[in-house]
């Protein structure tokens, strides 16, 4: 494959990642609604550790586990942010 072929492949993967990240964010919004109704905190450190442990266990590389963890920590942080924004909307 040429560099252009590889770049097109990366572009397609990026498109899929955006779609999946937005789908994950929608799930986080729905979870946030449930948490709000049940008066639960947005931040759930035990759940986050479960997620990070699971992604490490399923990682087959070449991305190393610390790198993957950093990516997921950021994804989780953004989902928490979305939950908080939705919660604030609900309070107005």
N, C-alpha and C. Protein backbone atom coordinates (compact mmCIF):
# COMPACT_ATOMS: atom_id res chain seq x y z
N UNK A 1 0.84 -1.19 0.00
CA UNK A 1 0.00 0.00 0.00
C UNK A 1 0.88 1.25 0.00
N UNK A 2 0.34 2.31 -0.59
CA UNK A 2 1.07 3.58 -0.61
C UNK A 2 0.75 4.38 0.65
N UNK A 3 1.50 5.45 0.85
CA UNK A 3 1.23 6.32 2.00
C UNK A 3 -0.19 6.89 1.93
N UNK A 4 -0.64 7.20 0.70
CA UNK A 4 -2.00 7.72 0.53
C UNK A 4 -3.04 6.67 0.93
N UNK A 5 -2.79 5.41 0.59
CA UNK A 5 -3.69 4.33 0.98
C UNK A 5 -3.76 4.22 2.50
N UNK A 6 -2.60 4.26 3.14
CA UNK A 6 -2.57 4.19 4.61
C UNK A 6 -3.28 5.38 5.24
N UNK A 7 -3.09 6.55 4.66
CA UNK A 7 -3.75 7.74 5.20
C UNK A 7 -5.27 7.65 5.03
N UNK A 8 -5.73 7.13 3.90
CA UNK A 8 -7.17 6.94 3.71
C UNK A 8 -7.71 5.95 4.74
N UNK A 9 -6.93 4.92 5.02
CA UNK A 9 -7.33 3.94 6.02
C UNK A 9 -7.43 4.61 7.41
N UNK A 10 -6.45 5.43 7.74
CA UNK A 10 -6.48 6.16 9.01
C UNK A 10 -7.68 7.11 9.05
N UNK A 11 -7.95 7.79 7.96
CA UNK A 11 -9.11 8.69 7.92
C UNK A 11 -10.40 7.94 8.19
N UNK A 12 -10.55 6.76 7.64
CA UNK A 12 -11.75 5.95 7.85
C UNK A 12 -11.83 5.48 9.32
N UNK A 13 -10.71 5.08 9.86
CA UNK A 13 -10.67 4.68 11.27
C UNK A 13 -11.04 5.87 12.15
N UNK A 14 -10.50 7.04 11.85
CA UNK A 14 -10.82 8.25 12.63
C UNK A 14 -12.31 8.54 12.58
N UNK A 15 -12.93 8.38 11.40
CA UNK A 15 -14.37 8.60 11.26
C UNK A 15 -15.13 7.65 12.17
N UNK A 16 -14.71 6.39 12.19
CA UNK A 16 -15.36 5.39 13.04
C UNK A 16 -15.15 5.70 14.52
N UNK A 17 -13.95 6.15 14.86
CA UNK A 17 -13.68 6.53 16.25
C UNK A 17 -14.58 7.67 16.71
N UNK A 18 -14.75 8.67 15.86
CA UNK A 18 -15.63 9.79 16.19
C UNK A 18 -17.05 9.28 16.42
N UNK A 19 -17.51 8.42 15.55
CA UNK A 19 -18.85 7.84 15.68
C UNK A 19 -18.98 7.07 17.00
N UNK A 20 -17.99 6.25 17.31
CA UNK A 20 -18.03 5.45 18.54
C UNK A 20 -17.92 6.32 19.79
N UNK A 21 -17.08 7.34 19.74
CA UNK A 21 -16.94 8.23 20.89
C UNK A 21 -18.24 9.00 21.14
N UNK A 22 -18.90 9.41 20.08
CA UNK A 22 -20.18 10.08 20.26
C UNK A 22 -21.25 9.13 20.78
N UNK A 23 -21.22 7.89 20.33
CA UNK A 23 -22.14 6.89 20.84
C UNK A 23 -21.88 6.65 22.33
N UNK A 24 -20.62 6.57 22.71
CA UNK A 24 -20.26 6.39 24.12
C UNK A 24 -20.73 7.59 24.95
N UNK A 25 -20.59 8.79 24.39
CA UNK A 25 -21.02 9.99 25.08
C UNK A 25 -22.53 9.99 25.31
N UNK A 26 -23.29 9.52 24.33
CA UNK A 26 -24.74 9.41 24.50
C UNK A 26 -25.08 8.46 25.64
N UNK A 27 -24.34 7.37 25.73
CA UNK A 27 -24.54 6.43 26.84
C UNK A 27 -24.24 7.12 28.17
N UNK A 28 -23.17 7.89 28.22
CA UNK A 28 -22.80 8.61 29.44
C UNK A 28 -23.90 9.59 29.84
N UNK A 29 -24.51 10.24 28.88
CA UNK A 29 -25.61 11.17 29.17
C UNK A 29 -26.77 10.41 29.82
N UNK A 30 -27.11 9.26 29.26
CA UNK A 30 -28.21 8.47 29.82
C UNK A 30 -27.87 7.96 31.23
N UNK A 31 -26.64 7.52 31.41
CA UNK A 31 -26.20 7.10 32.74
C UNK A 31 -26.26 8.27 33.71
N UNK A 32 -25.87 9.44 33.23
CA UNK A 32 -25.94 10.65 34.06
C UNK A 32 -27.36 10.95 34.52
N UNK A 33 -28.33 10.73 33.65
CA UNK A 33 -29.73 10.96 34.02
C UNK A 33 -30.14 10.00 35.13
N UNK A 34 -29.72 8.75 35.02
CA UNK A 34 -30.04 7.76 36.05
C UNK A 34 -29.36 8.14 37.36
N UNK A 35 -28.09 8.53 37.27
CA UNK A 35 -27.36 8.94 38.48
C UNK A 35 -28.05 10.12 39.15
N UNK A 36 -28.48 11.06 38.35
CA UNK A 36 -29.16 12.24 38.91
C UNK A 36 -30.45 11.83 39.60
N UNK A 37 -31.24 10.98 38.94
CA UNK A 37 -32.51 10.53 39.52
C UNK A 37 -32.29 9.75 40.82
N UNK A 38 -31.17 9.05 40.90
CA UNK A 38 -30.87 8.25 42.09
C UNK A 38 -29.96 8.98 43.07
N UNK A 39 -29.70 10.27 42.76
CA UNK A 39 -28.87 11.11 43.61
C UNK A 39 -27.47 10.51 43.81
N UNK A 40 -26.89 9.99 42.72
CA UNK A 40 -25.54 9.44 42.75
C UNK A 40 -24.56 10.46 42.20
N UNK A 41 -23.33 10.34 42.62
CA UNK A 41 -22.27 11.24 42.13
C UNK A 41 -21.90 10.90 40.69
N UNK A 42 -21.46 11.93 39.97
CA UNK A 42 -20.98 11.73 38.59
C UNK A 42 -19.72 10.87 38.61
N UNK A 43 -18.81 11.18 39.51
CA UNK A 43 -17.52 10.48 39.57
C UNK A 43 -17.69 9.16 40.33
N UNK A 44 -17.34 8.07 39.66
CA UNK A 44 -17.41 6.73 40.25
C UNK A 44 -16.05 6.06 40.06
N UNK A 45 -15.12 6.29 41.00
CA UNK A 45 -13.75 5.79 40.82
C UNK A 45 -13.67 4.27 40.68
N UNK A 46 -14.52 3.54 41.36
CA UNK A 46 -14.48 2.08 41.23
C UNK A 46 -14.83 1.65 39.81
N UNK A 47 -15.86 2.27 39.24
CA UNK A 47 -16.25 1.94 37.86
C UNK A 47 -15.13 2.30 36.90
N UNK A 48 -14.50 3.43 37.10
CA UNK A 48 -13.42 3.83 36.21
C UNK A 48 -12.25 2.86 36.28
N UNK A 49 -11.94 2.38 37.47
CA UNK A 49 -10.87 1.39 37.60
C UNK A 49 -11.24 0.09 36.90
N UNK A 50 -12.52 -0.31 36.97
CA UNK A 50 -12.97 -1.50 36.25
C UNK A 50 -12.76 -1.34 34.75
N UNK A 51 -13.11 -0.18 34.23
CA UNK A 51 -12.95 0.09 32.80
C UNK A 51 -11.48 0.01 32.42
N UNK A 52 -10.62 0.68 33.19
CA UNK A 52 -9.19 0.70 32.87
C UNK A 52 -8.59 -0.69 32.97
N UNK A 53 -9.00 -1.46 33.95
CA UNK A 53 -8.50 -2.83 34.08
C UNK A 53 -8.93 -3.68 32.89
N UNK A 54 -10.19 -3.54 32.49
CA UNK A 54 -10.70 -4.33 31.37
C UNK A 54 -9.99 -4.00 30.06
N UNK A 55 -9.75 -2.69 29.81
CA UNK A 55 -9.07 -2.35 28.56
C UNK A 55 -7.63 -2.86 28.56
N UNK A 56 -7.00 -2.88 29.72
CA UNK A 56 -5.64 -3.44 29.79
C UNK A 56 -5.66 -4.93 29.49
N UNK A 57 -6.66 -5.63 30.02
CA UNK A 57 -6.76 -7.08 29.82
C UNK A 57 -7.06 -7.43 28.37
N UNK A 58 -7.79 -6.57 27.67
CA UNK A 58 -8.15 -6.88 26.28
C UNK A 58 -7.15 -6.33 25.26
N UNK A 59 -6.19 -5.55 25.72
CA UNK A 59 -5.22 -4.94 24.82
C UNK A 59 -4.25 -5.98 24.27
N UNK A 60 -4.18 -6.04 22.94
CA UNK A 60 -3.22 -6.95 22.31
C UNK A 60 -2.13 -6.19 21.56
N UNK A 61 -2.08 -4.87 21.74
CA UNK A 61 -1.01 -4.07 21.15
C UNK A 61 -1.26 -3.78 19.68
N UNK A 62 -0.42 -3.01 19.07
CA UNK A 62 0.89 -2.55 19.52
C UNK A 62 0.85 -1.37 20.49
N UNK A 63 -0.31 -0.77 20.70
CA UNK A 63 -0.41 0.30 21.69
C UNK A 63 -0.20 -0.30 23.06
N UNK A 64 0.74 0.27 23.82
CA UNK A 64 1.01 -0.31 25.15
C UNK A 64 -0.07 0.09 26.16
N UNK A 65 -0.14 -0.66 27.23
CA UNK A 65 -1.19 -0.45 28.24
C UNK A 65 -1.15 0.94 28.86
N UNK A 66 0.02 1.50 29.20
CA UNK A 66 0.02 2.86 29.74
C UNK A 66 -0.54 3.89 28.74
N UNK A 67 -0.21 3.73 27.48
CA UNK A 67 -0.73 4.64 26.46
C UNK A 67 -2.23 4.51 26.31
N UNK A 68 -2.69 3.28 26.30
CA UNK A 68 -4.12 3.03 26.20
C UNK A 68 -4.85 3.58 27.43
N UNK A 69 -4.25 3.42 28.59
CA UNK A 69 -4.85 3.94 29.81
C UNK A 69 -4.97 5.46 29.74
N UNK A 70 -3.93 6.13 29.27
CA UNK A 70 -3.99 7.60 29.15
C UNK A 70 -5.12 8.02 28.23
N UNK A 71 -5.27 7.33 27.11
CA UNK A 71 -6.36 7.65 26.18
C UNK A 71 -7.72 7.47 26.84
N UNK A 72 -7.90 6.33 27.52
CA UNK A 72 -9.20 6.08 28.15
C UNK A 72 -9.45 7.00 29.33
N UNK A 73 -8.43 7.38 30.05
CA UNK A 73 -8.62 8.35 31.13
C UNK A 73 -9.18 9.65 30.57
N UNK A 74 -8.68 10.06 29.45
CA UNK A 74 -9.16 11.29 28.80
C UNK A 74 -10.59 11.12 28.30
N UNK A 75 -10.89 9.98 27.70
CA UNK A 75 -12.24 9.70 27.22
C UNK A 75 -13.22 9.72 28.40
N UNK A 76 -12.85 9.05 29.48
CA UNK A 76 -13.71 9.01 30.67
C UNK A 76 -13.89 10.41 31.23
N UNK A 77 -12.82 11.17 31.28
CA UNK A 77 -12.90 12.55 31.78
C UNK A 77 -13.88 13.38 30.96
N UNK A 78 -13.85 13.24 29.65
CA UNK A 78 -14.77 13.97 28.79
C UNK A 78 -16.20 13.51 29.00
N UNK A 79 -16.40 12.22 29.21
CA UNK A 79 -17.75 11.72 29.47
C UNK A 79 -18.28 12.23 30.81
N UNK A 80 -17.42 12.32 31.81
CA UNK A 80 -17.82 12.91 33.09
C UNK A 80 -18.22 14.37 32.89
N UNK A 81 -17.46 15.07 32.07
CA UNK A 81 -17.75 16.47 31.77
C UNK A 81 -19.14 16.60 31.13
N UNK A 82 -19.43 15.73 30.19
CA UNK A 82 -20.74 15.75 29.53
C UNK A 82 -21.85 15.46 30.55
N UNK A 83 -21.62 14.48 31.43
CA UNK A 83 -22.60 14.17 32.47
C UNK A 83 -22.87 15.41 33.33
N UNK A 84 -21.80 16.11 33.71
CA UNK A 84 -21.96 17.30 34.55
C UNK A 84 -22.73 18.41 33.82
N UNK A 85 -22.42 18.59 32.53
CA UNK A 85 -23.14 19.61 31.76
C UNK A 85 -24.62 19.27 31.67
N UNK A 86 -24.93 18.02 31.45
CA UNK A 86 -26.32 17.59 31.38
C UNK A 86 -27.02 17.77 32.72
N UNK A 87 -26.30 17.49 33.79
CA UNK A 87 -26.85 17.67 35.12
C UNK A 87 -27.17 19.14 35.38
N UNK A 88 -26.27 20.02 34.96
CA UNK A 88 -26.50 21.47 35.12
C UNK A 88 -27.72 21.92 34.31
N UNK A 89 -27.88 21.37 33.12
CA UNK A 89 -29.07 21.69 32.31
C UNK A 89 -30.34 21.30 33.04
N UNK A 90 -30.28 20.16 33.72
CA UNK A 90 -31.44 19.66 34.45
C UNK A 90 -31.78 20.50 35.66
N UNK A 91 -30.81 21.25 36.16
CA UNK A 91 -31.05 22.09 37.34
C UNK A 91 -31.57 23.48 36.97
N UNK A 92 -31.63 23.78 35.69
CA UNK A 92 -32.08 25.12 35.30
C UNK A 92 -33.55 25.15 35.01
